[in-house]
Amino acid sequence: MAKKEYKNDLEELNALDTDEFIADDIEDDDIYDFSKPESDAGSWTSLVLGIIGSLGWIIPIIGLPITIVGTVFGAINMKSRKSKGVAIAGFVINLVFLVASVAKGILDIIKWMRRAK
């Protein structure tokens, strides 16, 4: 019996005009936003890489790539409304230690060249 009722219901649904299901009383809050949800993972990644880069500047070969990637993540995620402060903090920390890594690298090269003489 249940199978027969299910079949009848299915036939009724197929027979209905789909235009009848368009609801005019849907509010804007009921409509799902399919745009890409904002994630704060990039902002936190920037901050974590900044913290790691604060130790990595001592060895510029390690510090440079870490701080460059962290700076990029911070710059990209500064547009985010959700975690803008974290992204700015990560960006600034990475930028400071990027400069420190470059300066340390230059000083190490100068030091090595003076020893080679």
PDB file of N, CA and C in Angstrom:
ATOM      1  N   MET A   1       0.819  -1.193   0.000  1.00  0.00           N
ATOM      2  CA  MET A   1       0.000   0.000   0.000  1.00  0.00           C
ATOM      3  C   MET A   1       0.864   1.257   0.000  1.00  0.00           C
ATOM      4  N   ALA A   2       1.913   1.224   0.776  1.00  0.00           N
ATOM      5  CA  ALA A   2       2.786   2.390   0.858  1.00  0.00           C
ATOM      6  C   ALA A   2       3.450   2.653  -0.495  1.00  0.00           C
ATOM      7  N   LYS A   3       3.754   1.585  -1.202  1.00  0.00           N
ATOM      8  CA  LYS A   3       4.374   1.736  -2.512  1.00  0.00           C
ATOM      9  C   LYS A   3       3.430   2.430  -3.488  1.00  0.00           C
ATOM     10  N   LYS A   4       2.149   2.084  -3.394  1.00  0.00           N
ATOM     11  CA  LYS A   4       1.146   2.673  -4.274  1.00  0.00           C
ATOM     12  C   LYS A   4       0.969   4.163  -3.973  1.00  0.00           C
ATOM     13  N   GLU A   5       0.950   4.518  -2.680  1.00  0.00           N
ATOM     14  CA  GLU A   5       0.826   5.918  -2.294  1.00  0.00           C
ATOM     15  C   GLU A   5       2.040   6.722  -2.753  1.00  0.00           C
ATOM     16  N   TYR A   6       3.212   6.129  -2.598  1.00  0.00           N
ATOM     17  CA  TYR A   6       4.449   6.792  -3.017  1.00  0.00           C
ATOM     18  C   TYR A   6       4.421   7.034  -4.523  1.00  0.00           C
ATOM     19  N   LYS A   7       3.956   6.059  -5.270  1.00  0.00           N
ATOM     20  CA  LYS A   7       3.893   6.195  -6.724  1.00  0.00           C
ATOM     21  C   LYS A   7       2.901   7.290  -7.107  1.00  0.00           C
ATOM     22  N   ASN A   8       1.754   7.346  -6.426  1.00  0.00           N
ATOM     23  CA  ASN A   8       0.763   8.382  -6.706  1.00  0.00           C
ATOM     24  C   ASN A   8       1.318   9.771  -6.386  1.00  0.00           C
ATOM     25  N   ASP A   9       1.993   9.880  -5.242  1.00  0.00           N
ATOM     26  CA  ASP A   9       2.586  11.166  -4.869  1.00  0.00           C
ATOM     27  C   ASP A   9       3.628  11.609  -5.899  1.00  0.00           C
ATOM     28  N   LEU A  10       4.404  10.659  -6.369  1.00  0.00           N
ATOM     29  CA  LEU A  10       5.430  10.968  -7.362  1.00  0.00           C
ATOM     30  C   LEU A  10       4.802  11.422  -8.671  1.00  0.00           C
ATOM     31  N   GLU A  11       3.744  10.776  -9.067  1.00  0.00           N
ATOM     32  CA  GLU A  11       3.053  11.164 -10.295  1.00  0.00           C
ATOM     33  C   GLU A  11       2.441  12.558 -10.155  1.00  0.00           C
ATOM     34  N   GLU A  12       1.889  12.856  -8.989  1.00  0.00           N
ATOM     35  CA  GLU A  12       1.316  14.187  -8.760  1.00  0.00           C
ATOM     36  C   GLU A  12       2.398  15.264  -8.821  1.00  0.00           C
ATOM     37  N   LEU A  13       3.534  14.979  -8.233  1.00  0.00           N
ATOM     38  CA  LEU A  13       4.632  15.947  -8.263  1.00  0.00           C
ATOM     39  C   LEU A  13       5.137  16.175  -9.682  1.00  0.00           C
ATOM     40  N   ASN A  14       5.228  15.128 -10.448  1.00  0.00           N
ATOM     41  CA  ASN A  14       5.684  15.265 -11.827  1.00  0.00           C
ATOM     42  C   ASN A  14       4.683  16.018 -12.688  1.00  0.00           C
ATOM     43  N   ALA A  15       3.424  15.900 -12.343  1.00  0.00           N
ATOM     44  CA  ALA A  15       2.382  16.552 -13.134  1.00  0.00           C
ATOM     45  C   ALA A  15       2.284  18.044 -12.830  1.00  0.00           C
ATOM     46  N   LEU A  16       2.716  18.457 -11.669  1.00  0.00           N
ATOM     47  CA  LEU A  16       2.613  19.864 -11.297  1.00  0.00           C
ATOM     48  C   LEU A  16       3.553  20.727 -12.128  1.00  0.00           C
ATOM     49  N   ASP A  17       3.143  21.918 -12.345  1.00  0.00           N
ATOM     50  CA  ASP A  17       3.966  22.881 -13.057  1.00  0.00           C
ATOM     51  C   ASP A  17       5.023  23.400 -12.082  1.00  0.00           C
ATOM     52  N   THR A  18       6.275  23.415 -12.477  1.00  0.00           N
ATOM     53  CA  THR A  18       7.353  23.829 -11.576  1.00  0.00           C
ATOM     54  C   THR A  18       7.295  25.317 -11.257  1.00  0.00           C
ATOM     55  N   ASP A  19       6.608  26.096 -12.085  1.00  0.00           N
ATOM     56  CA  ASP A  19       6.507  27.532 -11.814  1.00  0.00           C
ATOM     57  C   ASP A  19       5.706  27.820 -10.550  1.00  0.00           C
ATOM     58  N   GLU A  20       4.878  26.865 -10.131  1.00  0.00           N
ATOM     59  CA  GLU A  20       4.083  27.069  -8.933  1.00  0.00           C
ATOM     60  C   GLU A  20       4.934  27.089  -7.677  1.00  0.00           C
ATOM     61  N   PHE A  21       6.143  26.535  -7.759  1.00  0.00           N
ATOM     62  CA  PHE A  21       6.993  26.428  -6.581  1.00  0.00           C
ATOM     63  C   PHE A  21       7.888  27.646  -6.373  1.00  0.00           C
ATOM     64  N   ILE A  22       7.816  28.591  -7.268  1.00  0.00           N
ATOM     65  CA  ILE A  22       8.611  29.804  -7.082  1.00  0.00           C
ATOM     66  C   ILE A  22       7.927  30.638  -6.004  1.00  0.00           C
ATOM     67  N   ALA A  23       8.646  30.868  -4.936  1.00  0.00           N
ATOM     68  CA  ALA A  23       8.055  31.567  -3.794  1.00  0.00           C
ATOM     69  C   ALA A  23       8.430  33.040  -3.851  1.00  0.00           C
ATOM     70  N   ASP A  24       7.411  33.877  -3.756  1.00  0.00           N
ATOM     71  CA  ASP A  24       7.647  35.312  -3.742  1.00  0.00           C
ATOM     72  C   ASP A  24       7.903  35.829  -2.334  1.00  0.00           C
ATOM     73  N   ASP A  25       7.607  35.017  -1.338  1.00  0.00           N
ATOM     74  CA  ASP A  25       7.735  35.482   0.037  1.00  0.00           C
ATOM     75  C   ASP A  25       9.062  35.079   0.681  1.00  0.00           C
ATOM     76  N   ILE A  26      10.056  34.711  -0.106  1.00  0.00           N
ATOM     77  CA  ILE A  26      11.362  34.365   0.445  1.00  0.00           C
ATOM     78  C   ILE A  26      12.088  35.649   0.814  1.00  0.00           C
ATOM     79  N   GLU A  27      12.591  35.687   2.030  1.00  0.00           N
ATOM     80  CA  GLU A  27      13.331  36.859   2.485  1.00  0.00           C
ATOM     81  C   GLU A  27      14.801  36.705   2.118  1.00  0.00           C
ATOM     82  N   ASP A  28      15.525  37.808   2.117  1.00  0.00           N
ATOM     83  CA  ASP A  28      16.940  37.781   1.771  1.00  0.00           C
ATOM     84  C   ASP A  28      17.750  36.936   2.747  1.00  0.00           C
ATOM     85  N   ASP A  29      17.314  36.861   4.003  1.00  0.00           N
ATOM     86  CA  ASP A  29      18.037  36.076   4.996  1.00  0.00           C
ATOM     87  C   ASP A  29      17.916  34.579   4.747  1.00  0.00           C
ATOM     88  N   ASP A  30      16.871  34.178   4.026  1.00  0.00           N
ATOM     89  CA  ASP A  30      16.648  32.763   3.761  1.00  0.00           C
ATOM     90  C   ASP A  30      17.485  32.242   2.597  1.00  0.00           C
ATOM     91  N   ILE A  31      18.024  33.125   1.806  1.00  0.00           N
ATOM     92  CA  ILE A  31      18.785  32.718   0.628  1.00  0.00           C
ATOM     93  C   ILE A  31      20.223  32.442   1.040  1.00  0.00           C
ATOM     94  N   TYR A  32      20.728  31.287   0.670  1.00  0.00           N
ATOM     95  CA  TYR A  32      22.096  30.903   1.032  1.00  0.00           C
ATOM     96  C   TYR A  32      23.086  31.620   0.131  1.00  0.00           C
ATOM     97  N   ASP A  33      24.137  32.106   0.721  1.00  0.00           N
ATOM     98  CA  ASP A  33      25.198  32.789  -0.020  1.00  0.00           C
ATOM     99  C   ASP A  33      26.210  31.747  -0.474  1.00  0.00           C
ATOM    100  N   PHE A  34      26.298  31.534  -1.789  1.00  0.00           N
ATOM    101  CA  PHE A  34      27.192  30.526  -2.325  1.00  0.00           C
ATOM    102  C   PHE A  34      28.587  31.067  -2.625  1.00  0.00           C
ATOM    103  N   SER A  35      28.856  32.302  -2.263  1.00  0.00           N
ATOM    104  CA  SER A  35      30.184  32.837  -2.497  1.00  0.00           C
ATOM    105  C   SER A  35      31.173  32.146  -1.567  1.00  0.00           C
ATOM    106  N   LYS A  36      32.437  32.271  -1.893  1.00  0.00           N
ATOM    107  CA  LYS A  36      33.485  31.602  -1.126  1.00  0.00           C
ATOM    108  C   LYS A  36      33.487  32.133   0.314  1.00  0.00           C
ATOM    109  N   PRO A  37      33.362  31.227   1.284  1.00  0.00           N
ATOM    110  CA  PRO A  37      33.373  31.694   2.672  1.00  0.00           C
ATOM    111  C   PRO A  37      34.749  32.205   3.068  1.00  0.00           C
ATOM    112  N   GLU A  38      34.756  33.229   3.896  1.00  0.00           N
ATOM    113  CA  GLU A  38      36.024  33.786   4.342  1.00  0.00           C
ATOM    114  C   GLU A  38      36.666  32.844   5.343  1.00  0.00           C
ATOM    115  N   SER A  39      37.917  32.584   5.139  1.00  0.00           N
ATOM    116  CA  SER A  39      38.674  31.731   6.043  1.00  0.00           C
ATOM    117  C   SER A  39      39.779  32.550   6.667  1.00  0.00           C
ATOM    118  N   ASP A  40      40.068  32.271   7.916  1.00  0.00           N
ATOM    119  CA  ASP A  40      41.143  32.988   8.564  1.00  0.00           C
ATOM    120  C   ASP A  40      42.412  32.145   8.635  1.00  0.00           C
ATOM    121  N   ALA A  41      42.461  31.050   7.881  1.00  0.00           N
ATOM    122  CA  ALA A  41      43.635  30.177   7.905  1.00  0.00           C
ATOM    123  C   ALA A  41      44.864  30.887   7.353  1.00  0.00           C
ATOM    124  N   GLY A  42      44.715  31.669   6.309  1.00  0.00           N
ATOM    125  CA  GLY A  42      45.856  32.379   5.727  1.00  0.00           C
ATOM    126  C   GLY A  42      46.412  33.433   6.665  1.00  0.00           C
ATOM    127  N   SER A  43      45.545  34.080   7.407  1.00  0.00           N
ATOM    128  CA  SER A  43      45.985  35.091   8.369  1.00  0.00           C
ATOM    129  C   SER A  43      46.785  34.454   9.491  1.00  0.00           C
ATOM    130  N   TRP A  44      46.262  33.356  10.014  1.00  0.00           N
ATOM    131  CA  TRP A  44      46.968  32.666  11.092  1.00  0.00           C
ATOM    132  C   TRP A  44      48.251  32.036  10.586  1.00  0.00           C
ATOM    133  N   THR A  45      48.264  31.568   9.347  1.00  0.00           N
ATOM    134  CA  THR A  45      49.490  31.032   8.759  1.00  0.00           C
ATOM    135  C   THR A  45      50.544  32.114   8.679  1.00  0.00           C
ATOM    136  N   SER A  46      50.154  33.300   8.290  1.00  0.00           N
ATOM    137  CA  SER A  46      51.078  34.424   8.221  1.00  0.00           C
ATOM    138  C   SER A  46      51.669  34.732   9.597  1.00  0.00           C
ATOM    139  N   LEU A  47      50.831  34.734  10.606  1.00  0.00           N
ATOM    140  CA  LEU A  47      51.307  35.020  11.961  1.00  0.00           C
ATOM    141  C   LEU A  47      52.257  33.936  12.459  1.00  0.00           C
ATOM    142  N   VAL A  48      51.916  32.685  12.227  1.00  0.00           N
ATOM    143  CA  VAL A  48      52.779  31.578  12.659  1.00  0.00           C
ATOM    144  C   VAL A  48      54.111  31.620  11.917  1.00  0.00           C
ATOM    145  N   LEU A  49      54.077  31.884  10.613  1.00  0.00           N
ATOM    146  CA  LEU A  49      55.323  31.985   9.856  1.00  0.00           C
ATOM    147  C   LEU A  49      56.152  33.178  10.322  1.00  0.00           C
ATOM    148  N   GLY A  50      55.500  34.239  10.762  1.00  0.00           N
ATOM    149  CA  GLY A  50      56.222  35.382  11.319  1.00  0.00           C
ATOM    150  C   GLY A  50      56.946  35.017  12.599  1.00  0.00           C
ATOM    151  N   ILE A  51      56.278  34.242  13.436  1.00  0.00           N
ATOM    152  CA  ILE A  51      56.903  33.795  14.683  1.00  0.00           C
ATOM    153  C   ILE A  51      58.072  32.866  14.390  1.00  0.00           C
ATOM    154  N   ILE A  52      57.890  31.954  13.445  1.00  0.00           N
ATOM    155  CA  ILE A  52      58.989  31.063  13.058  1.00  0.00           C
ATOM    156  C   ILE A  52      60.109  31.869  12.408  1.00  0.00           C
ATOM    157  N   GLY A  53      59.746  32.850  11.587  1.00  0.00           N
ATOM    158  CA  GLY A  53      60.736  33.704  10.934  1.00  0.00           C
ATOM    159  C   GLY A  53      61.515  34.559  11.916  1.00  0.00           C
ATOM    160  N   SER A  54      60.927  34.814  13.089  1.00  0.00           N
ATOM    161  CA  SER A  54      61.648  35.589  14.100  1.00  0.00           C
ATOM    162  C   SER A  54      62.854  34.822  14.617  1.00  0.00           C
ATOM    163  N   LEU A  55      62.831  33.529  14.508  1.00  0.00           N
ATOM    164  CA  LEU A  55      64.001  32.718  14.840  1.00  0.00           C
ATOM    165  C   LEU A  55      64.813  32.379  13.596  1.00  0.00           C
ATOM    166  N   GLY A  56      64.149  32.307  12.453  1.00  0.00           N
ATOM    167  CA  GLY A  56      64.805  31.899  11.216  1.00  0.00           C
ATOM    168  C   GLY A  56      65.725  32.939  10.613  1.00  0.00           C
ATOM    169  N   TRP A  57      65.620  34.203  11.003  1.00  0.00           N
ATOM    170  CA  TRP A  57      66.472  35.233  10.412  1.00  0.00           C
ATOM    171  C   TRP A  57      67.941  35.024  10.770  1.00  0.00           C
ATOM    172  N   ILE A  58      68.199  34.261  11.828  1.00  0.00           N
ATOM    173  CA  ILE A  58      69.581  33.985  12.237  1.00  0.00           C
ATOM    174  C   ILE A  58      70.302  33.211  11.138  1.00  0.00           C
ATOM    175  N   ILE A  59      69.603  32.330  10.463  1.00  0.00           N
ATOM    176  CA  ILE A  59      70.148  31.598   9.311  1.00  0.00           C
ATOM    177  C   ILE A  59      69.336  32.053   8.100  1.00  0.00           C
ATOM    178  N   PRO A  60      69.878  33.029   7.332  1.00  0.00           N
ATOM    179  CA  PRO A  60      69.088  33.645   6.249  1.00  0.00           C
ATOM    180  C   PRO A  60      68.548  32.678   5.198  1.00  0.00           C
ATOM    181  N   ILE A  61      69.226  31.563   4.969  1.00  0.00           N
ATOM    182  CA  ILE A  61      68.732  30.602   3.975  1.00  0.00           C
ATOM    183  C   ILE A  61      67.390  30.022   4.438  1.00  0.00           C
ATOM    184  N   ILE A  62      67.204  29.900   5.723  1.00  0.00           N
ATOM    185  CA  ILE A  62      65.934  29.408   6.271  1.00  0.00           C
ATOM    186  C   ILE A  62      64.941  30.561   6.438  1.00  0.00           C
ATOM    187  N   GLY A  63      65.428  31.696   6.924  1.00  0.00           N
ATOM    188  CA  GLY A  63      64.553  32.823   7.234  1.00  0.00           C
ATOM    189  C   GLY A  63      63.920  33.484   6.025  1.00  0.00           C
ATOM    190  N   LEU A  64      64.659  33.575   4.926  1.00  0.00           N
ATOM    191  CA  LEU A  64      64.124  34.259   3.735  1.00  0.00           C
ATOM    192  C   LEU A  64      62.862  33.610   3.168  1.00  0.00           C
ATOM    193  N   PRO A  65      62.885  32.315   2.856  1.00  0.00           N
ATOM    194  CA  PRO A  65      61.652  31.734   2.286  1.00  0.00           C
ATOM    195  C   PRO A  65      60.476  31.761   3.255  1.00  0.00           C
ATOM    196  N   ILE A  66      60.747  31.547   4.533  1.00  0.00           N
ATOM    197  CA  ILE A  66      59.665  31.542   5.517  1.00  0.00           C
ATOM    198  C   ILE A  66      59.011  32.921   5.584  1.00  0.00           C
ATOM    199  N   THR A  67      59.824  33.969   5.666  1.00  0.00           N
ATOM    200  CA  THR A  67      59.256  35.308   5.798  1.00  0.00           C
ATOM    201  C   THR A  67      58.630  35.810   4.497  1.00  0.00           C
ATOM    202  N   ILE A  68      59.150  35.377   3.372  1.00  0.00           N
ATOM    203  CA  ILE A  68      58.541  35.770   2.091  1.00  0.00           C
ATOM    204  C   ILE A  68      57.139  35.171   1.974  1.00  0.00           C
ATOM    205  N   VAL A  69      57.019  33.888   2.262  1.00  0.00           N
ATOM    206  CA  VAL A  69      55.704  33.230   2.195  1.00  0.00           C
ATOM    207  C   VAL A  69      54.747  33.849   3.217  1.00  0.00           C
ATOM    208  N   GLY A  70      55.236  34.111   4.419  1.00  0.00           N
ATOM    209  CA  GLY A  70      54.403  34.727   5.448  1.00  0.00           C
ATOM    210  C   GLY A  70      53.943  36.122   5.065  1.00  0.00           C
ATOM    211  N   THR A  71      54.829  36.888   4.427  1.00  0.00           N
ATOM    212  CA  THR A  71      54.465  38.233   3.976  1.00  0.00           C
ATOM    213  C   THR A  71      53.380  38.172   2.907  1.00  0.00           C
ATOM    214  N   VAL A  72      53.502  37.226   1.998  1.00  0.00           N
ATOM    215  CA  VAL A  72      52.492  37.072   0.939  1.00  0.00           C
ATOM    216  C   VAL A  72      51.142  36.687   1.542  1.00  0.00           C
ATOM    217  N   PHE A  73      51.134  35.711   2.455  1.00  0.00           N
ATOM    218  CA  PHE A  73      49.876  35.322   3.107  1.00  0.00           C
ATOM    219  C   PHE A  73      49.258  36.499   3.852  1.00  0.00           C
ATOM    220  N   GLY A  74      50.085  37.264   4.546  1.00  0.00           N
ATOM    221  CA  GLY A  74      49.573  38.415   5.277  1.00  0.00           C
ATOM    222  C   GLY A  74      48.978  39.462   4.362  1.00  0.00           C
ATOM    223  N   ALA A  75      49.676  39.738   3.245  1.00  0.00           N
ATOM    224  CA  ALA A  75      49.195  40.750   2.303  1.00  0.00           C
ATOM    225  C   ALA A  75      47.881  40.327   1.649  1.00  0.00           C
ATOM    226  N   ILE A  76      47.775  39.070   1.293  1.00  0.00           N
ATOM    227  CA  ILE A  76      46.556  38.577   0.646  1.00  0.00           C
ATOM    228  C   ILE A  76      45.371  38.641   1.603  1.00  0.00           C
ATOM    229  N   ASN A  77      45.593  38.285   2.858  1.00  0.00           N
ATOM    230  CA  ASN A  77      44.482  38.174   3.805  1.00  0.00           C
ATOM    231  C   ASN A  77      44.178  39.468   4.548  1.00  0.00           C
ATOM    232  N   MET A  78      44.871  40.551   4.254  1.00  0.00           N
ATOM    233  CA  MET A  78      44.531  41.830   4.884  1.00  0.00           C
ATOM    234  C   MET A  78      43.193  42.360   4.388  1.00  0.00           C
ATOM    235  N   LYS A  79      42.703  41.844   3.273  1.00  0.00           N
ATOM    236  CA  LYS A  79      41.410  42.262   2.739  1.00  0.00           C
ATOM    237  C   LYS A  79      40.246  41.582   3.466  1.00  0.00           C
ATOM    238  N   SER A  80      40.551  40.522   4.195  1.00  0.00           N
ATOM    239  CA  SER A  80      39.532  39.764   4.901  1.00  0.00           C
ATOM    240  C   SER A  80      38.949  40.574   6.050  1.00  0.00           C
ATOM    241  N   ARG A  81      37.628  40.557   6.161  1.00  0.00           N
ATOM    242  CA  ARG A  81      36.978  41.267   7.269  1.00  0.00           C
ATOM    243  C   ARG A  81      37.065  40.458   8.554  1.00  0.00           C
ATOM    244  N   LYS A  82      37.142  39.155   8.404  1.00  0.00           N
ATOM    245  CA  LYS A  82      37.066  38.269   9.562  1.00  0.00           C
ATOM    246  C   LYS A  82      38.312  38.334  10.439  1.00  0.00           C
ATOM    247  N   SER A  83      39.488  38.331   9.840  1.00  0.00           N
ATOM    248  CA  SER A  83      40.721  38.267  10.620  1.00  0.00           C
ATOM    249  C   SER A  83      41.755  39.255  10.092  1.00  0.00           C
ATOM    250  N   LYS A  84      41.312  40.457   9.870  1.00  0.00           N
ATOM    251  CA  LYS A  84      42.190  41.492   9.316  1.00  0.00           C
ATOM    252  C   LYS A  84      43.334  41.822  10.272  1.00  0.00           C
ATOM    253  N   GLY A  85      43.064  41.906  11.564  1.00  0.00           N
ATOM    254  CA  GLY A  85      44.090  42.245  12.546  1.00  0.00           C
ATOM    255  C   GLY A  85      45.202  41.211  12.613  1.00  0.00           C
ATOM    256  N   VAL A  86      44.827  39.949  12.555  1.00  0.00           N
ATOM    257  CA  VAL A  86      45.817  38.869  12.587  1.00  0.00           C
ATOM    258  C   VAL A  86      46.676  38.926  11.330  1.00  0.00           C
ATOM    259  N   ALA A  87      46.052  39.198  10.185  1.00  0.00           N
ATOM    260  CA  ALA A  87      46.793  39.288   8.926  1.00  0.00           C
ATOM    261  C   ALA A  87      47.773  40.459   8.949  1.00  0.00           C
ATOM    262  N   ILE A  88      47.347  41.594   9.484  1.00  0.00           N
ATOM    263  CA  ILE A  88      48.237  42.755   9.567  1.00  0.00           C
ATOM    264  C   ILE A  88      49.408  42.457  10.498  1.00  0.00           C
ATOM    265  N   ALA A  89      49.126  41.824  11.632  1.00  0.00           N
ATOM    266  CA  ALA A  89      50.204  41.471  12.567  1.00  0.00           C
ATOM    267  C   ALA A  89      51.199  40.514  11.910  1.00  0.00           C
ATOM    268  N   GLY A  90      50.691  39.500  11.224  1.00  0.00           N
ATOM    269  CA  GLY A  90      51.570  38.555  10.531  1.00  0.00           C
ATOM    270  C   GLY A  90      52.384  39.231   9.442  1.00  0.00           C
ATOM    271  N   PHE A  91      51.737  40.126   8.703  1.00  0.00           N
ATOM    272  CA  PHE A  91      52.422  40.854   7.630  1.00  0.00           C
ATOM    273  C   PHE A  91      53.563  41.696   8.187  1.00  0.00           C
ATOM    274  N   VAL A  92      53.299  42.435   9.254  1.00  0.00           N
ATOM    275  CA  VAL A  92      54.320  43.317   9.830  1.00  0.00           C
ATOM    276  C   VAL A  92      55.474  42.509  10.411  1.00  0.00           C
ATOM    277  N   ILE A  93      55.160  41.454  11.163  1.00  0.00           N
ATOM    278  CA  ILE A  93      56.217  40.621  11.741  1.00  0.00           C
ATOM    279  C   ILE A  93      57.077  40.014  10.643  1.00  0.00           C
ATOM    280  N   ASN A  94      56.443  39.486   9.606  1.00  0.00           N
ATOM    281  CA  ASN A  94      57.196  38.885   8.503  1.00  0.00           C
ATOM    282  C   ASN A  94      58.032  39.917   7.772  1.00  0.00           C
ATOM    283  N   LEU A  95      57.505  41.106   7.582  1.00  0.00           N
ATOM    284  CA  LEU A  95      58.245  42.158   6.894  1.00  0.00           C
ATOM    285  C   LEU A  95      59.485  42.564   7.691  1.00  0.00           C
ATOM    286  N   VAL A  96      59.331  42.711   8.993  1.00  0.00           N
ATOM    287  CA  VAL A  96      60.469  43.076   9.846  1.00  0.00           C
ATOM    288  C   VAL A  96      61.553  42.007   9.770  1.00  0.00           C
ATOM    289  N   PHE A  97      61.177  40.757   9.891  1.00  0.00           N
ATOM    290  CA  PHE A  97      62.183  39.702   9.887  1.00  0.00           C
ATOM    291  C   PHE A  97      62.667  39.359   8.482  1.00  0.00           C
ATOM    292  N   LEU A  98      61.929  39.744   7.456  1.00  0.00           N
ATOM    293  CA  LEU A  98      62.434  39.646   6.087  1.00  0.00           C
ATOM    294  C   LEU A  98      63.598  40.611   5.904  1.00  0.00           C
ATOM    295  N   VAL A  99      63.409  41.836   6.371  1.00  0.00           N
ATOM    296  CA  VAL A  99      64.489  42.832   6.313  1.00  0.00           C
ATOM    297  C   VAL A  99      65.674  42.354   7.151  1.00  0.00           C
ATOM    298  N   ALA A 100      65.405  41.793   8.330  1.00  0.00           N
ATOM    299  CA  ALA A 100      66.487  41.284   9.184  1.00  0.00           C
ATOM    300  C   ALA A 100      67.233  40.139   8.507  1.00  0.00           C
ATOM    301  N   SER A 101      66.506  39.252   7.820  1.00  0.00           N
ATOM    302  CA  SER A 101      67.158  38.132   7.116  1.00  0.00           C
ATOM    303  C   SER A 101      68.039  38.632   5.984  1.00  0.00           C
ATOM    304  N   VAL A 102      67.540  39.609   5.225  1.00  0.00           N
ATOM    305  CA  VAL A 102      68.329  40.175   4.126  1.00  0.00           C
ATOM    306  C   VAL A 102      69.576  40.863   4.674  1.00  0.00           C
ATOM    307  N   ALA A 103      69.404  41.661   5.728  1.00  0.00           N
ATOM    308  CA  ALA A 103      70.549  42.361   6.324  1.00  0.00           C
ATOM    309  C   ALA A 103      71.566  41.368   6.871  1.00  0.00           C
ATOM    310  N   LYS A 104      71.103  40.335   7.549  1.00  0.00           N
ATOM    311  CA  LYS A 104      72.007  39.310   8.089  1.00  0.00           C
ATOM    312  C   LYS A 104      72.718  38.581   6.966  1.00  0.00           C
ATOM    313  N   GLY A 105      72.023  38.301   5.892  1.00  0.00           N
ATOM    314  CA  GLY A 105      72.653  37.643   4.743  1.00  0.00           C
ATOM    315  C   GLY A 105      73.738  38.502   4.129  1.00  0.00           C
ATOM    316  N   ILE A 106      73.458  39.788   3.970  1.00  0.00           N
ATOM    317  CA  ILE A 106      74.465  40.705   3.414  1.00  0.00           C
ATOM    318  C   ILE A 106      75.670  40.798   4.343  1.00  0.00           C
ATOM    319  N   LEU A 107      75.431  40.915   5.631  1.00  0.00           N
ATOM    320  CA  LEU A 107      76.542  40.976   6.587  1.00  0.00           C
ATOM    321  C   LEU A 107      77.348  39.681   6.595  1.00  0.00           C
ATOM    322  N   ASP A 108      76.699  38.544   6.467  1.00  0.00           N
ATOM    323  CA  ASP A 108      77.413  37.265   6.408  1.00  0.00           C
ATOM    324  C   ASP A 108      78.280  37.177   5.152  1.00  0.00           C
ATOM    325  N   ILE A 109      77.776  37.667   4.024  1.00  0.00           N
ATOM    326  CA  ILE A 109      78.556  37.648   2.778  1.00  0.00           C
ATOM    327  C   ILE A 109      79.771  38.567   2.909  1.00  0.00           C
ATOM    328  N   ILE A 110      79.574  39.768   3.480  1.00  0.00           N
ATOM    329  CA  ILE A 110      80.700  40.698   3.664  1.00  0.00           C
ATOM    330  C   ILE A 110      81.730  40.077   4.596  1.00  0.00           C
ATOM    331  N   LYS A 111      81.288  39.464   5.653  1.00  0.00           N
ATOM    332  CA  LYS A 111      82.177  38.816   6.606  1.00  0.00           C
ATOM    333  C   LYS A 111      82.956  37.685   5.960  1.00  0.00           C
ATOM    334  N   TRP A 112      82.289  36.891   5.137  1.00  0.00           N
ATOM    335  CA  TRP A 112      82.938  35.778   4.451  1.00  0.00           C
ATOM    336  C   TRP A 112      83.974  36.288   3.446  1.00  0.00           C
ATOM    337  N   MET A 113      83.635  37.388   2.746  1.00  0.00           N
ATOM    338  CA  MET A 113      84.564  37.944   1.754  1.00  0.00           C
ATOM    339  C   MET A 113      85.812  38.506   2.454  1.00  0.00           C
ATOM    340  N   ARG A 114      85.668  39.113   3.597  1.00  0.00           N
ATOM    341  CA  ARG A 114      86.823  39.637   4.328  1.00  0.00           C
ATOM    342  C   ARG A 114      87.712  38.508   4.837  1.00  0.00           C
ATOM    343  N   ARG A 115      87.133  37.416   5.234  1.00  0.00           N
ATOM    344  CA  ARG A 115      87.929  36.255   5.679  1.00  0.00           C
ATOM    345  C   ARG A 115      88.675  35.603   4.512  1.00  0.00           C
ATOM    346  N   ALA A 116      88.072  35.648   3.347  1.00  0.00           N
ATOM    347  CA  ALA A 116      88.681  35.012   2.173  1.00  0.00           C
ATOM    348  C   ALA A 116      89.924  35.761   1.702  1.00  0.00           C
ATOM    349  N   LYS A 117      90.086  37.030   2.050  1.00  0.00           N
ATOM    350  CA  LYS A 117      91.240  37.808   1.609  1.00  0.00           C
ATOM    351  C   LYS A 117      92.449  37.372   2.290  1.00  0.00           C
TER     352      LYS A 117
END
